[in-house]
């Protein structure tokens, strides 16, 4: 099985207090970024490096800042709008930031208080769409 992943982060694991509300939120904001949830099971889902499951009585929800890549300013705007409609709270309306020239982002809090961002870095050329991992048969 071939697997595509990022270059620095292997995965980010979020634990949700209300799994169904969190799943709904991420389905909507990821759709605004033209990304679908393709891997899921009972009480969990995974999209690229992001893995989300429900917190149990012994495990607290996570609180992190997580930034999704957008391919345009319009996608950042759509992400923000979808997040608010899906129960997120505004944490920074779409706009240019002074982090570097061309940085355009929006911030929302997801149902568990994670600071979720969509960012467009301006026109760029990617060296690759993803890193491809192909299993290597064991050597004798």
Protein backbone atom coordinates (compact mmCIF):
# COMPACT_ATOMS: atom_id res chain seq x y z
CA UNK A 1 0.00 0.00 0.00
CA UNK A 2 1.38 3.42 -0.98
CA UNK A 3 0.97 6.19 1.57
CA UNK A 4 1.33 9.93 0.98
CA UNK A 5 2.40 12.14 3.89
CA UNK A 6 4.00 15.47 4.75
CA UNK A 7 7.67 16.23 5.10
CA UNK A 8 8.17 17.26 8.72
CA UNK A 9 5.14 16.11 10.68
CA UNK A 10 4.25 12.43 10.62
CA UNK A 11 0.86 13.07 12.22
CA UNK A 12 -1.07 15.34 14.56
CA UNK A 13 -3.51 13.59 16.90
CA UNK A 14 -6.46 15.57 18.24
CA UNK A 15 -8.78 14.20 20.90
CA UNK A 16 -12.31 15.59 20.77
CA UNK A 17 -14.67 16.07 23.71
CA UNK A 18 -17.70 15.71 21.41
CA UNK A 19 -16.56 13.53 18.52
CA UNK A 20 -19.66 14.04 16.34
CA UNK A 21 -19.55 17.86 16.63
CA UNK A 22 -15.83 17.80 15.89
CA UNK A 23 -16.25 15.47 12.91
CA UNK A 24 -18.97 17.74 11.48
CA UNK A 25 -16.76 20.82 11.97
CA UNK A 26 -13.77 19.27 10.18
CA UNK A 27 -15.88 17.85 7.34
CA UNK A 28 -17.13 21.37 6.60
CA UNK A 29 -13.84 23.29 6.94
CA UNK A 30 -11.89 20.69 4.97
CA UNK A 31 -14.51 20.71 2.21
CA UNK A 32 -13.93 24.47 1.90
CA UNK A 33 -10.26 23.61 1.26
CA UNK A 34 -11.27 20.94 -1.30
CA UNK A 35 -10.18 18.09 0.99
CA UNK A 36 -12.30 15.04 1.81
CA UNK A 37 -12.14 12.71 4.78
CA UNK A 38 -11.18 9.42 3.13
CA UNK A 39 -10.08 7.29 6.10
CA UNK A 40 -12.48 6.75 9.02
CA UNK A 41 -13.76 4.17 11.43
CA UNK A 42 -15.82 3.91 14.59
CA UNK A 43 -15.05 7.13 16.50
CA UNK A 44 -12.07 8.30 14.41
CA UNK A 45 -11.05 9.84 11.10
CA UNK A 46 -7.79 10.71 9.37
CA UNK A 47 -6.93 13.22 6.67
CA UNK A 48 -3.29 13.30 5.57
CA UNK A 49 -1.30 13.96 8.75
CA UNK A 50 -4.36 14.80 10.87
CA UNK A 51 -5.84 12.03 13.06
CA UNK A 52 -8.91 12.80 15.22
CA UNK A 53 -10.71 10.59 17.70
CA UNK A 54 -13.01 10.98 20.66
CA UNK A 55 -11.58 11.60 24.13
CA UNK A 56 -12.72 9.14 26.76
CA UNK A 57 -13.39 9.80 30.45
CA UNK A 58 -9.69 9.40 31.28
CA UNK A 59 -8.29 11.49 28.40
CA UNK A 60 -8.64 15.25 28.02
CA UNK A 61 -9.22 16.92 24.65
CA UNK A 62 -6.14 18.43 23.03
CA UNK A 63 -5.44 22.15 22.66
CA UNK A 64 -3.13 23.04 19.80
CA UNK A 65 -2.65 25.50 16.97
CA UNK A 66 -3.02 23.78 13.62
CA UNK A 67 -2.68 25.50 10.23
CA UNK A 68 -4.12 24.04 7.02
CA UNK A 69 -2.70 25.01 3.64
CA UNK A 70 -5.04 26.81 1.24
CA UNK A 71 -4.43 27.25 -2.49
CA UNK A 72 -5.95 30.75 -2.66
CA UNK A 73 -7.28 33.68 -0.65
CA UNK A 74 -10.79 32.63 -1.67
CA UNK A 75 -10.19 29.24 -0.02
CA UNK A 76 -9.12 30.97 3.20
CA UNK A 77 -12.32 33.04 3.09
CA UNK A 78 -14.44 29.93 2.41
CA UNK A 79 -12.70 28.06 5.26
CA UNK A 80 -13.54 30.86 7.72
CA UNK A 81 -17.16 31.04 6.59
CA UNK A 82 -17.59 27.24 6.72
CA UNK A 83 -15.97 27.05 10.17
CA UNK A 84 -18.33 29.63 11.64
CA UNK A 85 -21.35 27.93 10.04
CA UNK A 86 -20.19 24.57 11.49
CA UNK A 87 -20.00 25.86 15.05
CA UNK A 88 -16.50 27.30 15.15
CA UNK A 89 -15.73 30.62 16.83
CA UNK A 90 -13.91 33.47 15.11
CA UNK A 91 -10.33 33.88 16.32
CA UNK A 92 -9.05 36.14 13.54
CA UNK A 93 -10.96 37.15 10.43
CA UNK A 94 -9.43 36.52 6.99
CA UNK A 95 -6.74 38.98 6.05
CA UNK A 96 -3.09 39.65 5.42
CA UNK A 97 -0.74 39.08 8.31
CA UNK A 98 2.73 40.54 8.75
CA UNK A 99 4.39 37.12 9.18
CA UNK A 100 5.87 37.40 5.66
CA UNK A 101 4.85 39.13 2.41
CA UNK A 102 1.79 37.43 0.87
CA UNK A 103 0.69 35.64 4.08
CA UNK A 104 -3.12 35.58 4.10
CA UNK A 105 -4.82 33.67 6.89
CA UNK A 106 -7.92 33.18 9.01
CA UNK A 107 -8.25 31.69 12.49
CA UNK A 108 -11.12 29.89 14.23
CA UNK A 109 -11.57 27.88 17.40
CA UNK A 110 -12.91 24.37 16.81
CA UNK A 111 -15.48 22.77 19.16
CA UNK A 112 -12.70 21.84 21.64
CA UNK A 113 -10.93 25.21 21.59
CA UNK A 114 -8.11 24.27 19.20
CA UNK A 115 -6.87 27.30 17.23
CA UNK A 116 -7.37 26.23 13.60
CA UNK A 117 -6.02 28.34 10.76
CA UNK A 118 -6.16 28.30 6.98
CA UNK A 119 -3.23 30.05 5.30
CA UNK A 120 -2.34 31.01 1.76
CA UNK A 121 1.32 31.95 1.30
CA UNK A 122 0.85 33.62 -2.07
CA UNK A 123 1.78 32.16 -5.45
CA UNK A 124 4.30 29.37 -4.94
CA UNK A 125 5.62 26.34 -6.80
CA UNK A 126 5.57 23.11 -4.78
CA UNK A 127 8.44 20.68 -5.14
CA UNK A 128 5.95 17.80 -4.69
CA UNK A 129 2.27 17.28 -3.81
CA UNK A 130 3.22 14.88 -1.03
CA UNK A 131 5.87 12.47 0.13
CA UNK A 132 5.13 8.96 -1.14
CA UNK A 133 5.91 6.03 1.14
CA UNK A 134 6.14 2.62 -0.55
CA UNK A 135 6.82 -0.42 1.67
CA UNK A 136 10.12 -2.15 0.99
CA UNK A 137 10.11 -5.96 1.20
CA UNK A 138 12.36 -7.24 3.99
CA UNK A 139 15.79 -8.36 2.86
CA UNK A 140 17.09 -11.80 3.70
